[in-house]
Amino acid sequence: MGILAWIVLGLIAGAIAKAIYPGRQGGGILGTLLLGIIGAFIGGTLHTLLTTGSFALASSGFSIGGVILAIIGAIIALFVYYAIAGRRTI
């Protein structure tokens, strides 16, 4: 997937995850982009783990299913971040 597609997927997934996750999150557009890209890797890795049974770092593709996986991964990333760092803003 090209870098432009990664940026678009990251922005879409990060923005939707921040809208779904309760509370206020900071970070601006760069934080949203990074959150979405991290979410794409988390979602893709979880999908690979659940479907094949093997752990491999994979990314979700740029499709409806890929965006959904990236959103789920971004929500997991937000949860883990706030569990470790406390309830401060990014």
PDB file of N, CA and C in Angstrom:
ATOM      1  N   MET A   1       0.853  -1.165   0.000  1.00  0.00           N
ATOM      2  CA  MET A   1       0.000   0.000   0.000  1.00  0.00           C
ATOM      3  C   MET A   1       0.899   1.229   0.000  1.00  0.00           C
ATOM      4  N   GLY A   2       0.568   2.203  -0.812  1.00  0.00           N
ATOM      5  CA  GLY A   2       1.376   3.405  -0.932  1.00  0.00           C
ATOM      6  C   GLY A   2       1.287   4.290   0.308  1.00  0.00           C
ATOM      7  N   ILE A   3       2.238   5.189   0.416  1.00  0.00           N
ATOM      8  CA  ILE A   3       2.313   6.076   1.582  1.00  0.00           C
ATOM      9  C   ILE A   3       1.079   6.968   1.674  1.00  0.00           C
ATOM     10  N   LEU A   4       0.557   7.405   0.544  1.00  0.00           N
ATOM     11  CA  LEU A   4      -0.642   8.244   0.557  1.00  0.00           C
ATOM     12  C   LEU A   4      -1.850   7.476   1.091  1.00  0.00           C
ATOM     13  N   ALA A   5      -1.959   6.206   0.714  1.00  0.00           N
ATOM     14  CA  ALA A   5      -3.051   5.377   1.229  1.00  0.00           C
ATOM     15  C   ALA A   5      -2.898   5.157   2.723  1.00  0.00           C
ATOM     16  N   TRP A   6      -1.649   4.989   3.206  1.00  0.00           N
ATOM     17  CA  TRP A   6      -1.416   4.851   4.651  1.00  0.00           C
ATOM     18  C   TRP A   6      -1.852   6.101   5.392  1.00  0.00           C
ATOM     19  N   ILE A   7      -1.558   7.269   4.836  1.00  0.00           N
ATOM     20  CA  ILE A   7      -1.934   8.526   5.478  1.00  0.00           C
ATOM     21  C   ILE A   7      -3.454   8.661   5.532  1.00  0.00           C
ATOM     22  N   VAL A   8      -4.111   8.359   4.426  1.00  0.00           N
ATOM     23  CA  VAL A   8      -5.580   8.452   4.387  1.00  0.00           C
ATOM     24  C   VAL A   8      -6.206   7.449   5.356  1.00  0.00           C
ATOM     25  N   LEU A   9      -5.730   6.196   5.326  1.00  0.00           N
ATOM     26  CA  LEU A   9      -6.257   5.177   6.239  1.00  0.00           C
ATOM     27  C   LEU A   9      -6.009   5.582   7.690  1.00  0.00           C
ATOM     28  N   GLY A  10      -4.830   6.107   7.982  1.00  0.00           N
ATOM     29  CA  GLY A  10      -4.513   6.540   9.335  1.00  0.00           C
ATOM     30  C   GLY A  10      -5.411   7.663   9.821  1.00  0.00           C
ATOM     31  N   LEU A  11      -5.645   8.640   8.963  1.00  0.00           N
ATOM     32  CA  LEU A  11      -6.515   9.751   9.355  1.00  0.00           C
ATOM     33  C   LEU A  11      -7.952   9.299   9.571  1.00  0.00           C
ATOM     34  N   ILE A  12      -8.454   8.467   8.679  1.00  0.00           N
ATOM     35  CA  ILE A  12      -9.837   7.984   8.816  1.00  0.00           C
ATOM     36  C   ILE A  12      -9.992   7.144  10.077  1.00  0.00           C
ATOM     37  N   ALA A  13      -9.117   6.158  10.237  1.00  0.00           N
ATOM     38  CA  ALA A  13      -9.230   5.252  11.380  1.00  0.00           C
ATOM     39  C   ALA A  13      -8.985   5.986  12.698  1.00  0.00           C
ATOM     40  N   GLY A  14      -7.989   6.839  12.750  1.00  0.00           N
ATOM     41  CA  GLY A  14      -7.697   7.574  13.980  1.00  0.00           C
ATOM     42  C   GLY A  14      -8.815   8.522  14.375  1.00  0.00           C
ATOM     43  N   ALA A  15      -9.386   9.221  13.395  1.00  0.00           N
ATOM     44  CA  ALA A  15     -10.474  10.157  13.689  1.00  0.00           C
ATOM     45  C   ALA A  15     -11.716   9.419  14.188  1.00  0.00           C
ATOM     46  N   ILE A  16     -12.055   8.305  13.557  1.00  0.00           N
ATOM     47  CA  ILE A  16     -13.237   7.554  13.993  1.00  0.00           C
ATOM     48  C   ILE A  16     -12.997   6.944  15.371  1.00  0.00           C
ATOM     49  N   ALA A  17     -11.793   6.418  15.619  1.00  0.00           N
ATOM     50  CA  ALA A  17     -11.486   5.833  16.932  1.00  0.00           C
ATOM     51  C   ALA A  17     -11.550   6.888  18.029  1.00  0.00           C
ATOM     52  N   LYS A  18     -11.042   8.088  17.757  1.00  0.00           N
ATOM     53  CA  LYS A  18     -11.111   9.161  18.757  1.00  0.00           C
ATOM     54  C   LYS A  18     -12.546   9.597  19.004  1.00  0.00           C
ATOM     55  N   ALA A  19     -13.394   9.532  17.981  1.00  0.00           N
ATOM     56  CA  ALA A  19     -14.800   9.897  18.151  1.00  0.00           C
ATOM     57  C   ALA A  19     -15.550   8.836  18.949  1.00  0.00           C
ATOM     58  N   ILE A  20     -15.168   7.570  18.804  1.00  0.00           N
ATOM     59  CA  ILE A  20     -15.842   6.482  19.507  1.00  0.00           C
ATOM     60  C   ILE A  20     -15.376   6.380  20.951  1.00  0.00           C
ATOM     61  N   TYR A  21     -14.072   6.545  21.182  1.00  0.00           N
ATOM     62  CA  TYR A  21     -13.500   6.354  22.516  1.00  0.00           C
ATOM     63  C   TYR A  21     -14.006   7.446  23.459  1.00  0.00           C
ATOM     64  N   PRO A  22     -14.491   7.075  24.656  1.00  0.00           N
ATOM     65  CA  PRO A  22     -15.045   8.089  25.564  1.00  0.00           C
ATOM     66  C   PRO A  22     -13.961   8.997  26.138  1.00  0.00           C
ATOM     67  N   GLY A  23     -14.347  10.218  26.403  1.00  0.00           N
ATOM     68  CA  GLY A  23     -13.417  11.188  26.982  1.00  0.00           C
ATOM     69  C   GLY A  23     -12.772  12.035  25.905  1.00  0.00           C
ATOM     70  N   ARG A  24     -11.931  12.943  26.353  1.00  0.00           N
ATOM     71  CA  ARG A  24     -11.267  13.859  25.434  1.00  0.00           C
ATOM     72  C   ARG A  24      -9.849  13.377  25.182  1.00  0.00           C
ATOM     73  N   GLN A  25      -9.460  13.350  23.914  1.00  0.00           N
ATOM     74  CA  GLN A  25      -8.104  13.004  23.543  1.00  0.00           C
ATOM     75  C   GLN A  25      -7.482  14.187  22.813  1.00  0.00           C
ATOM     76  N   GLY A  26      -6.248  14.474  23.129  1.00  0.00           N
ATOM     77  CA  GLY A  26      -5.526  15.535  22.428  1.00  0.00           C
ATOM     78  C   GLY A  26      -4.710  14.933  21.306  1.00  0.00           C
ATOM     79  N   GLY A  27      -3.714  15.646  20.874  1.00  0.00           N
ATOM     80  CA  GLY A  27      -2.788  15.094  19.909  1.00  0.00           C
ATOM     81  C   GLY A  27      -2.851  15.731  18.537  1.00  0.00           C
ATOM     82  N   GLY A  28      -3.932  16.356  18.186  1.00  0.00           N
ATOM     83  CA  GLY A  28      -4.032  17.009  16.892  1.00  0.00           C
ATOM     84  C   GLY A  28      -4.026  16.035  15.728  1.00  0.00           C
ATOM     85  N   ILE A  29      -3.762  16.565  14.552  1.00  0.00           N
ATOM     86  CA  ILE A  29      -3.836  15.759  13.336  1.00  0.00           C
ATOM     87  C   ILE A  29      -2.696  14.747  13.259  1.00  0.00           C
ATOM     88  N   LEU A  30      -1.513  15.097  13.756  1.00  0.00           N
ATOM     89  CA  LEU A  30      -0.389  14.162  13.727  1.00  0.00           C
ATOM     90  C   LEU A  30      -0.638  12.986  14.672  1.00  0.00           C
ATOM     91  N   GLY A  31      -1.177  13.271  15.846  1.00  0.00           N
ATOM     92  CA  GLY A  31      -1.519  12.199  16.785  1.00  0.00           C
ATOM     93  C   GLY A  31      -2.595  11.284  16.236  1.00  0.00           C
ATOM     94  N   THR A  32      -3.576  11.874  15.566  1.00  0.00           N
ATOM     95  CA  THR A  32      -4.643  11.089  14.955  1.00  0.00           C
ATOM     96  C   THR A  32      -4.085  10.193  13.851  1.00  0.00           C
ATOM     97  N   LEU A  33      -3.193  10.735  13.044  1.00  0.00           N
ATOM     98  CA  LEU A  33      -2.568   9.971  11.967  1.00  0.00           C
ATOM     99  C   LEU A  33      -1.762   8.801  12.516  1.00  0.00           C
ATOM    100  N   LEU A  34      -0.926   9.056  13.506  1.00  0.00           N
ATOM    101  CA  LEU A  34      -0.115   7.990  14.095  1.00  0.00           C
ATOM    102  C   LEU A  34      -0.988   6.937  14.772  1.00  0.00           C
ATOM    103  N   LEU A  35      -2.028   7.386  15.464  1.00  0.00           N
ATOM    104  CA  LEU A  35      -2.947   6.454  16.101  1.00  0.00           C
ATOM    105  C   LEU A  35      -3.600   5.531  15.077  1.00  0.00           C
ATOM    106  N   GLY A  36      -4.019   6.086  13.956  1.00  0.00           N
ATOM    107  CA  GLY A  36      -4.643   5.278  12.915  1.00  0.00           C
ATOM    108  C   GLY A  36      -3.680   4.289  12.279  1.00  0.00           C
ATOM    109  N   ILE A  37      -2.439   4.691  12.054  1.00  0.00           N
ATOM    110  CA  ILE A  37      -1.456   3.786  11.463  1.00  0.00           C
ATOM    111  C   ILE A  37      -1.107   2.671  12.441  1.00  0.00           C
ATOM    112  N   ILE A  38      -0.920   3.009  13.709  1.00  0.00           N
ATOM    113  CA  ILE A  38      -0.670   1.982  14.735  1.00  0.00           C
ATOM    114  C   ILE A  38      -1.878   1.046  14.816  1.00  0.00           C
ATOM    115  N   GLY A  39      -3.071   1.614  14.744  1.00  0.00           N
ATOM    116  CA  GLY A  39      -4.291   0.806  14.768  1.00  0.00           C
ATOM    117  C   GLY A  39      -4.383  -0.144  13.592  1.00  0.00           C
ATOM    118  N   ALA A  40      -3.921   0.287  12.422  1.00  0.00           N
ATOM    119  CA  ALA A  40      -3.933  -0.591  11.249  1.00  0.00           C
ATOM    120  C   ALA A  40      -3.026  -1.797  11.475  1.00  0.00           C
ATOM    121  N   PHE A  41      -1.877  -1.574  12.087  1.00  0.00           N
ATOM    122  CA  PHE A  41      -0.989  -2.703  12.366  1.00  0.00           C
ATOM    123  C   PHE A  41      -1.554  -3.613  13.452  1.00  0.00           C
ATOM    124  N   ILE A  42      -2.129  -3.038  14.502  1.00  0.00           N
ATOM    125  CA  ILE A  42      -2.733  -3.860  15.557  1.00  0.00           C
ATOM    126  C   ILE A  42      -3.891  -4.677  14.992  1.00  0.00           C
ATOM    127  N   GLY A  43      -4.771  -4.030  14.237  1.00  0.00           N
ATOM    128  CA  GLY A  43      -5.913  -4.731  13.650  1.00  0.00           C
ATOM    129  C   GLY A  43      -5.496  -5.808  12.663  1.00  0.00           C
ATOM    130  N   GLY A  44      -4.523  -5.513  11.821  1.00  0.00           N
ATOM    131  CA  GLY A  44      -4.045  -6.504  10.869  1.00  0.00           C
ATOM    132  C   GLY A  44      -3.370  -7.687  11.543  1.00  0.00           C
ATOM    133  N   THR A  45      -2.606  -7.407  12.603  1.00  0.00           N
ATOM    134  CA  THR A  45      -1.944  -8.478  13.340  1.00  0.00           C
ATOM    135  C   THR A  45      -2.963  -9.357  14.052  1.00  0.00           C
ATOM    136  N   LEU A  46      -3.976  -8.741  14.667  1.00  0.00           N
ATOM    137  CA  LEU A  46      -5.031  -9.522  15.317  1.00  0.00           C
ATOM    138  C   LEU A  46      -5.799 -10.367  14.302  1.00  0.00           C
ATOM    139  N   HIS A  47      -6.058  -9.818  13.142  1.00  0.00           N
ATOM    140  CA  HIS A  47      -6.761 -10.571  12.097  1.00  0.00           C
ATOM    141  C   HIS A  47      -5.933 -11.772  11.660  1.00  0.00           C
ATOM    142  N   THR A  48      -4.640 -11.573  11.465  1.00  0.00           N
ATOM    143  CA  THR A  48      -3.766 -12.681  11.085  1.00  0.00           C
ATOM    144  C   THR A  48      -3.712 -13.737  12.179  1.00  0.00           C
ATOM    145  N   LEU A  49      -3.644 -13.292  13.424  1.00  0.00           N
ATOM    146  CA  LEU A  49      -3.586 -14.223  14.553  1.00  0.00           C
ATOM    147  C   LEU A  49      -4.867 -15.043  14.659  1.00  0.00           C
ATOM    148  N   LEU A  50      -6.008 -14.413  14.472  1.00  0.00           N
ATOM    149  CA  LEU A  50      -7.280 -15.119  14.601  1.00  0.00           C
ATOM    150  C   LEU A  50      -7.583 -16.027  13.415  1.00  0.00           C
ATOM    151  N   THR A  51      -7.157 -15.653  12.223  1.00  0.00           N
ATOM    152  CA  THR A  51      -7.488 -16.463  11.053  1.00  0.00           C
ATOM    153  C   THR A  51      -6.496 -17.589  10.787  1.00  0.00           C
ATOM    154  N   THR A  52      -5.207 -17.331  11.032  1.00  0.00           N
ATOM    155  CA  THR A  52      -4.203 -18.356  10.737  1.00  0.00           C
ATOM    156  C   THR A  52      -3.651 -19.026  11.980  1.00  0.00           C
ATOM    157  N   GLY A  53      -3.784 -18.397  13.119  1.00  0.00           N
ATOM    158  CA  GLY A  53      -3.244 -18.955  14.350  1.00  0.00           C
ATOM    159  C   GLY A  53      -1.772 -18.654  14.557  1.00  0.00           C
ATOM    160  N   SER A  54      -1.175 -17.874  13.664  1.00  0.00           N
ATOM    161  CA  SER A  54       0.233 -17.517  13.822  1.00  0.00           C
ATOM    162  C   SER A  54       0.355 -16.012  14.040  1.00  0.00           C
ATOM    163  N   PHE A  55       1.372 -15.627  14.805  1.00  0.00           N
ATOM    164  CA  PHE A  55       1.603 -14.218  15.100  1.00  0.00           C
ATOM    165  C   PHE A  55       2.545 -13.651  14.052  1.00  0.00           C
ATOM    166  N   ALA A  56       2.060 -12.715  13.278  1.00  0.00           N
ATOM    167  CA  ALA A  56       2.875 -12.056  12.262  1.00  0.00           C
ATOM    168  C   ALA A  56       2.449 -10.602  12.185  1.00  0.00           C
ATOM    169  N   LEU A  57       3.422  -9.698  12.135  1.00  0.00           N
ATOM    170  CA  LEU A  57       3.092  -8.290  11.999  1.00  0.00           C
ATOM    171  C   LEU A  57       2.562  -8.047  10.597  1.00  0.00           C
ATOM    172  N   ALA A  58       1.328  -7.645  10.523  1.00  0.00           N
ATOM    173  CA  ALA A  58       0.679  -7.399   9.235  1.00  0.00           C
ATOM    174  C   ALA A  58      -0.140  -6.126   9.355  1.00  0.00           C
ATOM    175  N   SER A  59      -0.441  -5.531   8.241  1.00  0.00           N
ATOM    176  CA  SER A  59      -1.266  -4.329   8.260  1.00  0.00           C
ATOM    177  C   SER A  59      -2.585  -4.625   7.560  1.00  0.00           C
ATOM    178  N   SER A  60      -3.587  -3.864   7.943  1.00  0.00           N
ATOM    179  CA  SER A  60      -4.880  -4.034   7.275  1.00  0.00           C
ATOM    180  C   SER A  60      -4.851  -3.266   5.963  1.00  0.00           C
ATOM    181  N   GLY A  61      -5.530  -3.781   4.978  1.00  0.00           N
ATOM    182  CA  GLY A  61      -5.551  -3.161   3.662  1.00  0.00           C
ATOM    183  C   GLY A  61      -6.521  -1.994   3.599  1.00  0.00           C
ATOM    184  N   PHE A  62      -6.475  -1.283   2.497  1.00  0.00           N
ATOM    185  CA  PHE A  62      -7.333  -0.122   2.313  1.00  0.00           C
ATOM    186  C   PHE A  62      -8.646  -0.567   1.680  1.00  0.00           C
ATOM    187  N   SER A  63      -9.541  -1.074   2.520  1.00  0.00           N
ATOM    188  CA  SER A  63     -10.873  -1.502   2.116  1.00  0.00           C
ATOM    189  C   SER A  63     -11.793  -1.254   3.305  1.00  0.00           C
ATOM    190  N   ILE A  64     -13.056  -1.549   3.152  1.00  0.00           N
ATOM    191  CA  ILE A  64     -13.988  -1.351   4.262  1.00  0.00           C
ATOM    192  C   ILE A  64     -13.580  -2.217   5.448  1.00  0.00           C
ATOM    193  N   GLY A  65     -13.285  -3.473   5.200  1.00  0.00           N
ATOM    194  CA  GLY A  65     -12.837  -4.356   6.270  1.00  0.00           C
ATOM    195  C   GLY A  65     -11.529  -3.890   6.887  1.00  0.00           C
ATOM    196  N   GLY A  66     -10.625  -3.396   6.063  1.00  0.00           N
ATOM    197  CA  GLY A  66      -9.352  -2.886   6.566  1.00  0.00           C
ATOM    198  C   GLY A  66      -9.528  -1.657   7.445  1.00  0.00           C
ATOM    199  N   VAL A  67     -10.428  -0.781   7.047  1.00  0.00           N
ATOM    200  CA  VAL A  67     -10.694   0.409   7.857  1.00  0.00           C
ATOM    201  C   VAL A  67     -11.324   0.014   9.190  1.00  0.00           C
ATOM    202  N   ILE A  68     -12.229  -0.948   9.174  1.00  0.00           N
ATOM    203  CA  ILE A  68     -12.852  -1.413  10.411  1.00  0.00           C
ATOM    204  C   ILE A  68     -11.806  -2.034  11.334  1.00  0.00           C
ATOM    205  N   LEU A  69     -10.920  -2.852  10.774  1.00  0.00           N
ATOM    206  CA  LEU A  69      -9.838  -3.433  11.574  1.00  0.00           C
ATOM    207  C   LEU A  69      -8.918  -2.354  12.128  1.00  0.00           C
ATOM    208  N   ALA A  70      -8.618  -1.339  11.332  1.00  0.00           N
ATOM    209  CA  ALA A  70      -7.762  -0.252  11.791  1.00  0.00           C
ATOM    210  C   ALA A  70      -8.431   0.544  12.909  1.00  0.00           C
ATOM    211  N   ILE A  71      -9.733   0.742  12.822  1.00  0.00           N
ATOM    212  CA  ILE A  71     -10.468   1.453  13.880  1.00  0.00           C
ATOM    213  C   ILE A  71     -10.441   0.644  15.175  1.00  0.00           C
ATOM    214  N   ILE A  72     -10.693  -0.647  15.078  1.00  0.00           N
ATOM    215  CA  ILE A  72     -10.646  -1.511  16.265  1.00  0.00           C
ATOM    216  C   ILE A  72      -9.245  -1.495  16.865  1.00  0.00           C
ATOM    217  N   GLY A  73      -8.229  -1.581  16.009  1.00  0.00           N
ATOM    218  CA  GLY A  73      -6.851  -1.519  16.493  1.00  0.00           C
ATOM    219  C   GLY A  73      -6.519  -0.185  17.138  1.00  0.00           C
ATOM    220  N   ALA A  74      -7.029   0.909  16.578  1.00  0.00           N
ATOM    221  CA  ALA A  74      -6.780   2.233  17.158  1.00  0.00           C
ATOM    222  C   ALA A  74      -7.470   2.385  18.508  1.00  0.00           C
ATOM    223  N   ILE A  75      -8.657   1.827  18.665  1.00  0.00           N
ATOM    224  CA  ILE A  75      -9.339   1.863  19.959  1.00  0.00           C
ATOM    225  C   ILE A  75      -8.543   1.066  20.989  1.00  0.00           C
ATOM    226  N   ILE A  76      -8.019  -0.083  20.583  1.00  0.00           N
ATOM    227  CA  ILE A  76      -7.172  -0.876  21.485  1.00  0.00           C
ATOM    228  C   ILE A  76      -5.921  -0.088  21.854  1.00  0.00           C
ATOM    229  N   ALA A  77      -5.320   0.595  20.875  1.00  0.00           N
ATOM    230  CA  ALA A  77      -4.126   1.403  21.143  1.00  0.00           C
ATOM    231  C   ALA A  77      -4.434   2.536  22.124  1.00  0.00           C
ATOM    232  N   LEU A  78      -5.586   3.192  21.965  1.00  0.00           N
ATOM    233  CA  LEU A  78      -5.984   4.233  22.918  1.00  0.00           C
ATOM    234  C   LEU A  78      -6.173   3.664  24.316  1.00  0.00           C
ATOM    235  N   PHE A  79      -6.830   2.523  24.401  1.00  0.00           N
ATOM    236  CA  PHE A  79      -7.066   1.890  25.695  1.00  0.00           C
ATOM    237  C   PHE A  79      -5.747   1.556  26.388  1.00  0.00           C
ATOM    238  N   VAL A  80      -4.827   0.951  25.655  1.00  0.00           N
ATOM    239  CA  VAL A  80      -3.530   0.580  26.229  1.00  0.00           C
ATOM    240  C   VAL A  80      -2.746   1.823  26.635  1.00  0.00           C
ATOM    241  N   TYR A  81      -2.760   2.850  25.793  1.00  0.00           N
ATOM    242  CA  TYR A  81      -2.037   4.083  26.117  1.00  0.00           C
ATOM    243  C   TYR A  81      -2.558   4.705  27.411  1.00  0.00           C
ATOM    244  N   TYR A  82      -3.874   4.811  27.535  1.00  0.00           N
ATOM    245  CA  TYR A  82      -4.432   5.426  28.736  1.00  0.00           C
ATOM    246  C   TYR A  82      -4.314   4.523  29.956  1.00  0.00           C
ATOM    247  N   ALA A  83      -4.241   3.228  29.767  1.00  0.00           N
ATOM    248  CA  ALA A  83      -4.012   2.314  30.898  1.00  0.00           C
ATOM    249  C   ALA A  83      -2.593   2.474  31.435  1.00  0.00           C
ATOM    250  N   ILE A  84      -1.646   2.732  30.549  1.00  0.00           N
ATOM    251  CA  ILE A  84      -0.253   2.882  30.961  1.00  0.00           C
ATOM    252  C   ILE A  84       0.039   4.308  31.433  1.00  0.00           C
ATOM    253  N   ALA A  85      -0.397   5.287  30.672  1.00  0.00           N
ATOM    254  CA  ALA A  85      -0.042   6.679  30.957  1.00  0.00           C
ATOM    255  C   ALA A  85      -1.027   7.381  31.885  1.00  0.00           C
ATOM    256  N   GLY A  86      -2.117   6.761  32.229  1.00  0.00           N
ATOM    257  CA  GLY A  86      -3.132   7.431  33.035  1.00  0.00           C
ATOM    258  C   GLY A  86      -4.089   8.175  32.125  1.00  0.00           C
ATOM    259  N   ARG A  87      -4.955   8.955  32.696  1.00  0.00           N
ATOM    260  CA  ARG A  87      -5.998   9.626  31.920  1.00  0.00           C
ATOM    261  C   ARG A  87      -5.590  11.032  31.512  1.00  0.00           C
ATOM    262  N   ARG A  88      -4.327  11.237  31.190  1.00  0.00           N
ATOM    263  CA  ARG A  88      -3.875  12.530  30.703  1.00  0.00           C
ATOM    264  C   ARG A  88      -4.097  12.601  29.199  1.00  0.00           C
ATOM    265  N   THR A  89      -4.096  13.817  28.650  1.00  0.00           N
ATOM    266  CA  THR A  89      -4.232  13.959  27.204  1.00  0.00           C
ATOM    267  C   THR A  89      -2.885  13.700  26.548  1.00  0.00           C
ATOM    268  N   ILE A  90      -2.920  13.312  25.291  1.00  0.00           N
ATOM    269  CA  ILE A  90      -1.704  12.997  24.538  1.00  0.00           C
ATOM    270  C   ILE A  90      -0.914  14.250  24.280  1.00  0.00           C
TER     271      ILE A  90
END
